[in-house]
Amino acid sequence: MVTPLIGLSTASVYPESTAHAFGWAAQLGYDAVEVMVGIDSLSQQVDAVQKLSEHHQVPICAVHAPCLLFTQRVWGTDPWVKLEKSAEMAQAVGADVVVVHPPFRWQKDYAAGFVEGIASLEARTGIAFAVENMYPWRASSRRGMEMYLPGWDPSSEDYAHTTIDLSHAAIARSDVIEMAERMGDHLRHVHLTDGTGSAKDEHLVPGRGVMKAQAFLEHLAGTGFSGHVVLEINTRRAADRAEREGDLAESLAFAREHLGVTTP
């Protein structure tokens, strides 16, 4: 039986660097790392990322394409070029997944051919482009605005591979087990985190919110999920290194316990 890889997103140690993320993953015993390509120049360099992986002896399971608002100019402004470069990095470092967000509403040309374009990229590169669930934008508890095209919920589109992020689901007030059931075998990647259901993208340590992360992991284990479970938490408010270490270690222990994965 193939068990899920439990990885650490480099975003989980921000404002520390990509290099620090590999160090934390090695020190705490994570199985792998997901590289968030962002404003840290190291994260944009294939050779540097590969050397970090080799130095710490921690494999890279996924590359997160630079599709956030604050990474709109990383690797240029053409979204398809960004995805091509993400696939090139994944191939070079041995990752088999690129995580991508659906287009923003104002990226109309990109959005018009997004579903077909993702399928074409997968066929050409052999890399799984796992489209991530997002959320309606809302400033309060009122009904949100649709800011993504063709939509924020990838389970409603014909993607071969998808990602569930529990913090995003908290904002959308989605039931993640129901979402996983809709996705079925298309679910390839998970961002394990938590949220309270507020309008903020909180990325809490799993178990500290309302998303029933324990039940979700037990559901994955029961269905034989064999993809990646990557901890993508927010530790930027950690008072010191010890508090950050505690959050990262607690998150890993939570994932292992509720997935039923033996500690190496």
C-alpha atoms as a PDB file:
ATOM      1  CA  MET A   1       0.000   0.000   0.000  1.00  0.00           C
ATOM      2  CA  VAL A   2       1.351   3.442  -1.002  1.00  0.00           C
ATOM      3  CA  THR A   3       1.121   6.001   1.804  1.00  0.00           C
ATOM      4  CA  PRO A   4       0.974   9.775   1.283  1.00  0.00           C
ATOM      5  CA  LEU A   5       4.135  11.848   1.376  1.00  0.00           C
ATOM      6  CA  ILE A   6       3.952  14.453   4.145  1.00  0.00           C
ATOM      7  CA  GLY A   7       5.680  17.595   2.969  1.00  0.00           C
ATOM      8  CA  LEU A   8       6.463  21.097   4.178  1.00  0.00           C
ATOM      9  CA  SER A   9       5.658  24.131   2.062  1.00  0.00           C
ATOM     10  CA  THR A  10       8.439  26.701   2.013  1.00  0.00           C
ATOM     11  CA  ALA A  11       5.679  29.265   2.632  1.00  0.00           C
ATOM     12  CA  SER A  12       5.239  27.800   6.123  1.00  0.00           C
ATOM     13  CA  VAL A  13       8.441  29.394   7.429  1.00  0.00           C
ATOM     14  CA  TYR A  14       7.945  32.910   6.011  1.00  0.00           C
ATOM     15  CA  PRO A  15       9.542  35.406   6.675  1.00  0.00           C
ATOM     16  CA  GLU A  16      12.410  32.937   6.845  1.00  0.00           C
ATOM     17  CA  SER A  17      13.804  31.895   3.469  1.00  0.00           C
ATOM     18  CA  THR A  18      13.452  28.921   1.158  1.00  0.00           C
ATOM     19  CA  ALA A  19      16.824  27.714   2.455  1.00  0.00           C
ATOM     20  CA  HIS A  20      15.521  27.767   6.029  1.00  0.00           C
ATOM     21  CA  ALA A  21      12.488  25.712   4.965  1.00  0.00           C
ATOM     22  CA  PHE A  22      14.698  22.872   3.752  1.00  0.00           C
ATOM     23  CA  GLY A  23      16.604  23.022   7.017  1.00  0.00           C
ATOM     24  CA  TRP A  24      13.409  22.789   9.047  1.00  0.00           C
ATOM     25  CA  ALA A  25      12.093  19.912   6.928  1.00  0.00           C
ATOM     26  CA  ALA A  26      15.316  17.940   7.426  1.00  0.00           C
ATOM     27  CA  GLN A  27      15.543  18.699  11.145  1.00  0.00           C
ATOM     28  CA  LEU A  28      11.940  17.739  11.935  1.00  0.00           C
ATOM     29  CA  GLY A  29      11.709  14.721   9.640  1.00  0.00           C
ATOM     30  CA  TYR A  30       9.317  15.820   6.896  1.00  0.00           C
ATOM     31  CA  ASP A  31       9.231  13.496   3.898  1.00  0.00           C
ATOM     32  CA  ALA A  32       9.533  16.226   1.284  1.00  0.00           C
ATOM     33  CA  VAL A  33       9.273  19.936   0.479  1.00  0.00           C
ATOM     34  CA  GLU A  34       6.922  21.941  -1.720  1.00  0.00           C
ATOM     35  CA  VAL A  35       8.689  24.969  -3.185  1.00  0.00           C
ATOM     36  CA  MET A  36       6.550  28.093  -3.291  1.00  0.00           C
ATOM     37  CA  VAL A  37       8.002  30.163  -6.120  1.00  0.00           C
ATOM     38  CA  GLY A  38       7.799  33.696  -4.783  1.00  0.00           C
ATOM     39  CA  ILE A  39       9.656  36.890  -4.009  1.00  0.00           C
ATOM     40  CA  ASP A  40      12.545  35.027  -2.352  1.00  0.00           C
ATOM     41  CA  SER A  41      15.029  34.960  -5.242  1.00  0.00           C
ATOM     42  CA  LEU A  42      16.299  31.509  -4.196  1.00  0.00           C
ATOM     43  CA  SER A  43      12.852  30.025  -4.850  1.00  0.00           C
ATOM     44  CA  GLN A  44      13.052  31.177  -8.472  1.00  0.00           C
ATOM     45  CA  GLN A  45      16.397  29.470  -9.215  1.00  0.00           C
ATOM     46  CA  VAL A  46      16.273  25.840 -10.300  1.00  0.00           C
ATOM     47  CA  ASP A  47      19.934  25.141  -9.510  1.00  0.00           C
ATOM     48  CA  ALA A  48      19.718  26.692  -6.043  1.00  0.00           C
ATOM     49  CA  VAL A  49      16.577  24.752  -5.155  1.00  0.00           C
ATOM     50  CA  GLN A  50      18.104  21.505  -6.387  1.00  0.00           C
ATOM     51  CA  LYS A  51      21.277  22.081  -4.348  1.00  0.00           C
ATOM     52  CA  LEU A  52      19.216  22.732  -1.218  1.00  0.00           C
ATOM     53  CA  SER A  53      17.354  19.474  -1.747  1.00  0.00           C
ATOM     54  CA  GLU A  54      20.583  17.545  -2.238  1.00  0.00           C
ATOM     55  CA  HIS A  55      22.364  19.203   0.687  1.00  0.00           C
ATOM     56  CA  HIS A  56      19.568  18.456   3.158  1.00  0.00           C
ATOM     57  CA  GLN A  57      18.670  15.118   1.545  1.00  0.00           C
ATOM     58  CA  VAL A  58      15.005  16.109   1.387  1.00  0.00           C
ATOM     59  CA  PRO A  59      13.226  15.513  -1.947  1.00  0.00           C
ATOM     60  CA  ILE A  60      10.960  18.072  -3.608  1.00  0.00           C
ATOM     61  CA  CYS A  61       7.448  16.746  -4.187  1.00  0.00           C
ATOM     62  CA  ALA A  62       5.828  19.822  -5.725  1.00  0.00           C
ATOM     63  CA  VAL A  63       6.370  23.294  -7.133  1.00  0.00           C
ATOM     64  CA  HIS A  64       3.798  26.006  -6.425  1.00  0.00           C
ATOM     65  CA  ALA A  65       3.547  28.290  -9.451  1.00  0.00           C
ATOM     66  CA  PRO A  66       3.863  32.066  -8.800  1.00  0.00           C
ATOM     67  CA  CYS A  67       0.178  32.929  -9.220  1.00  0.00           C
ATOM     68  CA  LEU A  68      -0.507  34.950  -6.051  1.00  0.00           C
ATOM     69  CA  LEU A  69      -1.307  38.657  -6.206  1.00  0.00           C
ATOM     70  CA  PHE A  70       2.111  39.604  -4.829  1.00  0.00           C
ATOM     71  CA  THR A  71       3.965  37.318  -7.268  1.00  0.00           C
ATOM     72  CA  GLN A  72       2.293  38.662 -10.413  1.00  0.00           C
ATOM     73  CA  ARG A  73       5.670  39.790 -11.811  1.00  0.00           C
ATOM     74  CA  VAL A  74       7.743  36.769 -10.774  1.00  0.00           C
ATOM     75  CA  TRP A  75       8.970  35.007 -13.938  1.00  0.00           C
ATOM     76  CA  GLY A  76       7.327  37.698 -16.058  1.00  0.00           C
ATOM     77  CA  THR A  77       3.678  38.617 -16.412  1.00  0.00           C
ATOM     78  CA  ASP A  78       2.486  35.986 -18.908  1.00  0.00           C
ATOM     79  CA  PRO A  79       0.659  33.332 -16.827  1.00  0.00           C
ATOM     80  CA  TRP A  80       1.313  30.531 -19.326  1.00  0.00           C
ATOM     81  CA  VAL A  81       5.047  31.271 -19.274  1.00  0.00           C
ATOM     82  CA  LYS A  82       4.924  31.013 -15.475  1.00  0.00           C
ATOM     83  CA  LEU A  83       3.363  27.560 -15.728  1.00  0.00           C
ATOM     84  CA  GLU A  84       5.899  26.454 -18.351  1.00  0.00           C
ATOM     85  CA  LYS A  85       8.742  27.561 -16.066  1.00  0.00           C
ATOM     86  CA  SER A  86       7.113  25.804 -13.104  1.00  0.00           C
ATOM     87  CA  ALA A  87       6.986  22.574 -15.098  1.00  0.00           C
ATOM     88  CA  GLU A  88      10.636  22.994 -16.087  1.00  0.00           C
ATOM     89  CA  MET A  89      11.610  23.407 -12.430  1.00  0.00           C
ATOM     90  CA  ALA A  90       9.526  20.396 -11.410  1.00  0.00           C
ATOM     91  CA  GLN A  91      11.141  18.224 -14.076  1.00  0.00           C
ATOM     92  CA  ALA A  92      14.638  19.361 -13.102  1.00  0.00           C
ATOM     93  CA  VAL A  93      14.232  18.731  -9.361  1.00  0.00           C
ATOM     94  CA  GLY A  94      12.202  15.519  -9.583  1.00  0.00           C
ATOM     95  CA  ALA A  95       8.815  16.876  -8.474  1.00  0.00           C
ATOM     96  CA  ASP A  96       5.707  15.363 -10.048  1.00  0.00           C
ATOM     97  CA  VAL A  97       3.169  18.094  -9.220  1.00  0.00           C
ATOM     98  CA  VAL A  98       2.781  21.783 -10.006  1.00  0.00           C
ATOM     99  CA  VAL A  99       0.178  23.526  -7.850  1.00  0.00           C
ATOM    100  CA  VAL A 100      -1.699  26.293  -9.653  1.00  0.00           C
ATOM    101  CA  HIS A 101      -4.546  28.644  -8.745  1.00  0.00           C
ATOM    102  CA  PRO A 102      -7.415  29.306 -11.157  1.00  0.00           C
ATOM    103  CA  PRO A 103      -7.098  32.611 -13.053  1.00  0.00           C
ATOM    104  CA  PHE A 104      -8.244  35.893 -11.569  1.00  0.00           C
ATOM    105  CA  ARG A 105     -11.418  37.317 -13.073  1.00  0.00           C
ATOM    106  CA  TRP A 106      -9.517  40.106 -14.850  1.00  0.00           C
ATOM    107  CA  GLN A 107      -7.247  37.569 -16.644  1.00  0.00           C
ATOM    108  CA  LYS A 108      -9.956  36.940 -19.217  1.00  0.00           C
ATOM    109  CA  ASP A 109      -7.813  35.595 -22.065  1.00  0.00           C
ATOM    110  CA  TYR A 110      -5.947  33.253 -19.717  1.00  0.00           C
ATOM    111  CA  ALA A 111      -9.201  32.087 -18.145  1.00  0.00           C
ATOM    112  CA  ALA A 112     -10.940  31.468 -21.477  1.00  0.00           C
ATOM    113  CA  GLY A 113      -8.670  28.558 -22.338  1.00  0.00           C
ATOM    114  CA  PHE A 114      -7.525  27.581 -18.860  1.00  0.00           C
ATOM    115  CA  VAL A 115      -9.099  24.119 -18.516  1.00  0.00           C
ATOM    116  CA  GLU A 116      -7.945  23.029 -21.966  1.00  0.00           C
ATOM    117  CA  GLY A 117      -4.539  24.680 -21.512  1.00  0.00           C
ATOM    118  CA  ILE A 118      -3.880  22.826 -18.262  1.00  0.00           C
ATOM    119  CA  ALA A 119      -4.734  19.518 -19.943  1.00  0.00           C
ATOM    120  CA  SER A 120      -2.376  20.341 -22.805  1.00  0.00           C
ATOM    121  CA  LEU A 121       0.468  21.216 -20.406  1.00  0.00           C
ATOM    122  CA  GLU A 122       0.010  17.939 -18.555  1.00  0.00           C
ATOM    123  CA  ALA A 123       0.058  15.919 -21.753  1.00  0.00           C
ATOM    124  CA  ARG A 124       3.163  17.683 -23.022  1.00  0.00           C
ATOM    125  CA  THR A 125       5.224  17.783 -19.811  1.00  0.00           C
ATOM    126  CA  GLY A 126       4.126  14.670 -17.913  1.00  0.00           C
ATOM    127  CA  ILE A 127       3.678  16.839 -14.809  1.00  0.00           C
ATOM    128  CA  ALA A 128       0.383  16.902 -12.894  1.00  0.00           C
ATOM    129  CA  PHE A 129      -0.974  20.452 -12.685  1.00  0.00           C
ATOM    130  CA  ALA A 130      -3.121  20.217  -9.544  1.00  0.00           C
ATOM    131  CA  VAL A 131      -5.598  23.119  -9.603  1.00  0.00           C
ATOM    132  CA  GLU A 132      -6.255  24.477  -6.108  1.00  0.00           C
ATOM    133  CA  ASN A 133      -9.564  25.470  -4.555  1.00  0.00           C
ATOM    134  CA  MET A 134      -9.840  29.180  -3.805  1.00  0.00           C
ATOM    135  CA  TYR A 135     -12.792  31.144  -2.368  1.00  0.00           C
ATOM    136  CA  PRO A 136     -15.224  34.009  -2.913  1.00  0.00           C
ATOM    137  CA  TRP A 137     -13.743  37.316  -1.792  1.00  0.00           C
ATOM    138  CA  ARG A 138     -15.614  38.918   1.082  1.00  0.00           C
ATOM    139  CA  ALA A 139     -14.805  41.732   3.485  1.00  0.00           C
ATOM    140  CA  SER A 140     -17.135  40.420   6.184  1.00  0.00           C
ATOM    141  CA  SER A 141     -19.698  37.679   6.754  1.00  0.00           C
ATOM    142  CA  ARG A 142     -21.694  38.887   3.767  1.00  0.00           C
ATOM    143  CA  ARG A 143     -21.903  36.918   0.547  1.00  0.00           C
ATOM    144  CA  GLY A 144     -18.654  37.088  -1.394  1.00  0.00           C
ATOM    145  CA  MET A 145     -17.744  38.130  -4.926  1.00  0.00           C
ATOM    146  CA  GLU A 146     -16.557  35.636  -7.527  1.00  0.00           C
ATOM    147  CA  MET A 147     -12.976  36.666  -8.292  1.00  0.00           C
ATOM    148  CA  TYR A 148     -11.803  33.558 -10.141  1.00  0.00           C
ATOM    149  CA  LEU A 149     -12.576  32.130 -13.562  1.00  0.00           C
ATOM    150  CA  PRO A 150     -13.815  29.633 -14.554  1.00  0.00           C
ATOM    151  CA  GLY A 151     -14.513  29.355 -10.798  1.00  0.00           C
ATOM    152  CA  TRP A 152     -12.936  29.010  -7.363  1.00  0.00           C
ATOM    153  CA  ASP A 153     -14.023  25.365  -6.858  1.00  0.00           C
ATOM    154  CA  PRO A 154     -11.996  23.017  -9.101  1.00  0.00           C
ATOM    155  CA  SER A 155     -14.349  20.116  -8.367  1.00  0.00           C
ATOM    156  CA  SER A 156     -16.836  21.776 -10.713  1.00  0.00           C
ATOM    157  CA  GLU A 157     -14.472  21.656 -13.700  1.00  0.00           C
ATOM    158  CA  ASP A 158     -12.917  18.873 -15.746  1.00  0.00           C
ATOM    159  CA  TYR A 159      -9.394  18.918 -14.302  1.00  0.00           C
ATOM    160  CA  ALA A 160      -7.385  15.701 -14.219  1.00  0.00           C
ATOM    161  CA  HIS A 161      -5.653  16.755 -10.983  1.00  0.00           C
ATOM    162  CA  THR A 162      -6.747  18.972  -8.114  1.00  0.00           C
ATOM    163  CA  THR A 163      -5.593  20.376  -4.773  1.00  0.00           C
ATOM    164  CA  ILE A 164      -7.628  20.959  -1.605  1.00  0.00           C
ATOM    165  CA  ASP A 165      -6.484  23.728   0.743  1.00  0.00           C
ATOM    166  CA  LEU A 166      -8.309  23.702   4.091  1.00  0.00           C
ATOM    167  CA  SER A 167      -7.729  27.390   4.839  1.00  0.00           C
ATOM    168  CA  HIS A 168      -9.256  28.407   1.514  1.00  0.00           C
ATOM    169  CA  ALA A 169     -12.155  26.041   2.155  1.00  0.00           C
ATOM    170  CA  ALA A 170     -12.696  27.729   5.527  1.00  0.00           C
ATOM    171  CA  ILE A 171     -13.201  31.112   3.846  1.00  0.00           C
ATOM    172  CA  ALA A 172     -15.589  29.560   1.324  1.00  0.00           C
ATOM    173  CA  ARG A 173     -17.272  27.604   4.144  1.00  0.00           C
ATOM    174  CA  SER A 174     -16.914  24.435   2.126  1.00  0.00           C
ATOM    175  CA  ASP A 175     -17.115  20.914   3.503  1.00  0.00           C
ATOM    176  CA  VAL A 176     -13.729  19.480   2.534  1.00  0.00           C
ATOM    177  CA  ILE A 177     -14.817  15.855   2.812  1.00  0.00           C
ATOM    178  CA  GLU A 178     -17.693  16.494   0.408  1.00  0.00           C
ATOM    179  CA  MET A 179     -15.284  18.339  -1.895  1.00  0.00           C
ATOM    180  CA  ALA A 180     -12.860  15.403  -1.793  1.00  0.00           C
ATOM    181  CA  GLU A 181     -15.698  13.023  -2.626  1.00  0.00           C
ATOM    182  CA  ARG A 182     -16.664  15.160  -5.638  1.00  0.00           C
ATOM    183  CA  MET A 183     -13.046  15.180  -6.814  1.00  0.00           C
ATOM    184  CA  GLY A 184     -12.603  11.438  -6.319  1.00  0.00           C
ATOM    185  CA  ASP A 185      -9.428  10.131  -7.949  1.00  0.00           C
ATOM    186  CA  HIS A 186      -8.667  13.597  -9.328  1.00  0.00           C
ATOM    187  CA  LEU A 187      -7.546  14.748  -5.867  1.00  0.00           C
ATOM    188  CA  ARG A 188      -3.757  14.634  -6.079  1.00  0.00           C
ATOM    189  CA  HIS A 189      -2.506  17.154  -3.525  1.00  0.00           C
ATOM    190  CA  VAL A 190      -3.559  18.596  -0.160  1.00  0.00           C
ATOM    191  CA  HIS A 191      -2.528  21.752   1.659  1.00  0.00           C
ATOM    192  CA  LEU A 192      -3.084  20.726   5.258  1.00  0.00           C
ATOM    193  CA  THR A 193      -3.874  23.704   7.448  1.00  0.00           C
ATOM    194  CA  ASP A 194      -6.979  25.122   9.158  1.00  0.00           C
ATOM    195  CA  GLY A 195      -9.227  28.163   9.471  1.00  0.00           C
ATOM    196  CA  THR A 196     -12.036  29.602  11.536  1.00  0.00           C
ATOM    197  CA  GLY A 197     -14.385  30.560   8.702  1.00  0.00           C
ATOM    198  CA  SER A 198     -13.480  34.249   8.766  1.00  0.00           C
ATOM    199  CA  ALA A 199     -12.802  36.276   5.614  1.00  0.00           C
ATOM    200  CA  LYS A 200      -9.041  36.001   6.269  1.00  0.00           C
ATOM    201  CA  ASP A 201      -6.812  33.337   4.736  1.00  0.00           C
ATOM    202  CA  GLU A 202      -5.520  32.204   8.132  1.00  0.00           C
ATOM    203  CA  HIS A 203      -3.511  29.026   7.445  1.00  0.00           C
ATOM    204  CA  LEU A 204      -3.667  27.854  11.041  1.00  0.00           C
ATOM    205  CA  VAL A 205      -1.919  24.822  12.465  1.00  0.00           C
ATOM    206  CA  PRO A 206      -4.261  21.894  11.693  1.00  0.00           C
ATOM    207  CA  GLY A 207      -6.604  21.187  14.591  1.00  0.00           C
ATOM    208  CA  ARG A 208      -6.745  24.832  15.725  1.00  0.00           C
ATOM    209  CA  GLY A 209      -9.663  25.793  13.495  1.00  0.00           C
ATOM    210  CA  VAL A 210     -13.103  24.530  12.576  1.00  0.00           C
ATOM    211  CA  MET A 211     -12.331  22.536   9.429  1.00  0.00           C
ATOM    212  CA  LYS A 212     -12.366  19.105  11.123  1.00  0.00           C
ATOM    213  CA  ALA A 213      -8.884  18.409   9.805  1.00  0.00           C
ATOM    214  CA  GLN A 214      -8.681  15.173  11.787  1.00  0.00           C
ATOM    215  CA  ALA A 215     -11.814  13.747  10.147  1.00  0.00           C
ATOM    216  CA  PHE A 216     -10.591  14.900   6.735  1.00  0.00           C
ATOM    217  CA  LEU A 217      -7.267  13.084   7.110  1.00  0.00           C
ATOM    218  CA  GLU A 218      -9.028   9.971   8.373  1.00  0.00           C
ATOM    219  CA  HIS A 219     -11.268  10.146   5.300  1.00  0.00           C
ATOM    220  CA  LEU A 220      -8.214  10.348   3.039  1.00  0.00           C
ATOM    221  CA  ALA A 221      -6.608   7.395   4.795  1.00  0.00           C
ATOM    222  CA  GLY A 222      -9.817   5.397   4.480  1.00  0.00           C
ATOM    223  CA  THR A 223     -10.055   6.004   0.740  1.00  0.00           C
ATOM    224  CA  GLY A 224      -6.432   5.047   0.080  1.00  0.00           C
ATOM    225  CA  PHE A 225      -5.241   8.532  -0.864  1.00  0.00           C
ATOM    226  CA  SER A 226      -1.623   8.251  -2.014  1.00  0.00           C
ATOM    227  CA  GLY A 227      -0.831  11.804  -3.100  1.00  0.00           C
ATOM    228  CA  HIS A 228       0.939  14.550  -1.189  1.00  0.00           C
ATOM    229  CA  VAL A 229      -0.180  16.091   2.089  1.00  0.00           C
ATOM    230  CA  VAL A 230       1.762  19.337   2.460  1.00  0.00           C
ATOM    231  CA  LEU A 231       1.692  21.479   5.598  1.00  0.00           C
ATOM    232  CA  GLU A 232       1.075  25.063   4.509  1.00  0.00           C
ATOM    233  CA  ILE A 233       0.698  26.997   7.755  1.00  0.00           C
ATOM    234  CA  ASN A 234       1.314  30.599   8.788  1.00  0.00           C
ATOM    235  CA  THR A 235       4.147  30.977  11.321  1.00  0.00           C
ATOM    236  CA  ARG A 236       4.994  34.605  10.589  1.00  0.00           C
ATOM    237  CA  ARG A 237       3.682  35.677  14.015  1.00  0.00           C
ATOM    238  CA  ALA A 238       5.828  33.182  15.902  1.00  0.00           C
ATOM    239  CA  ALA A 239       7.525  35.003  18.762  1.00  0.00           C
ATOM    240  CA  ASP A 240      10.803  33.168  18.268  1.00  0.00           C
ATOM    241  CA  ARG A 241      12.474  30.177  16.668  1.00  0.00           C
ATOM    242  CA  ALA A 242      11.224  27.820  19.379  1.00  0.00           C
ATOM    243  CA  GLU A 243       7.585  28.749  18.745  1.00  0.00           C
ATOM    244  CA  ARG A 244       7.998  28.269  14.986  1.00  0.00           C
ATOM    245  CA  GLU A 245       9.618  24.891  15.594  1.00  0.00           C
ATOM    246  CA  GLY A 246       6.753  23.908  17.874  1.00  0.00           C
ATOM    247  CA  ASP A 247       4.128  24.776  15.245  1.00  0.00           C
ATOM    248  CA  LEU A 248       5.961  22.914  12.482  1.00  0.00           C
ATOM    249  CA  ALA A 249       6.523  19.836  14.669  1.00  0.00           C
ATOM    250  CA  GLU A 250       2.913  19.827  15.914  1.00  0.00           C
ATOM    251  CA  SER A 251       1.623  20.018  12.342  1.00  0.00           C
ATOM    252  CA  LEU A 252       3.756  17.088  11.224  1.00  0.00           C
ATOM    253  CA  ALA A 253       2.716  14.975  14.216  1.00  0.00           C
ATOM    254  CA  PHE A 254      -0.965  15.786  13.533  1.00  0.00           C
ATOM    255  CA  ALA A 255      -0.669  14.662   9.912  1.00  0.00           C
ATOM    256  CA  ARG A 256       1.105  11.429  10.763  1.00  0.00           C
ATOM    257  CA  GLU A 257      -1.274  10.513  13.544  1.00  0.00           C
ATOM    258  CA  HIS A 258      -4.497  11.023  11.624  1.00  0.00           C
ATOM    259  CA  LEU A 259      -3.251   9.614   8.343  1.00  0.00           C
ATOM    260  CA  GLY A 260      -2.027   6.573  10.242  1.00  0.00           C
ATOM    261  CA  VAL A 261       1.511   7.024   8.873  1.00  0.00           C
ATOM    262  CA  THR A 262       4.319   5.562  10.958  1.00  0.00           C
ATOM    263  CA  THR A 263       7.002   7.994  12.062  1.00  0.00           C
ATOM    264  CA  PRO A 264      10.265   7.128  10.241  1.00  0.00           C
END
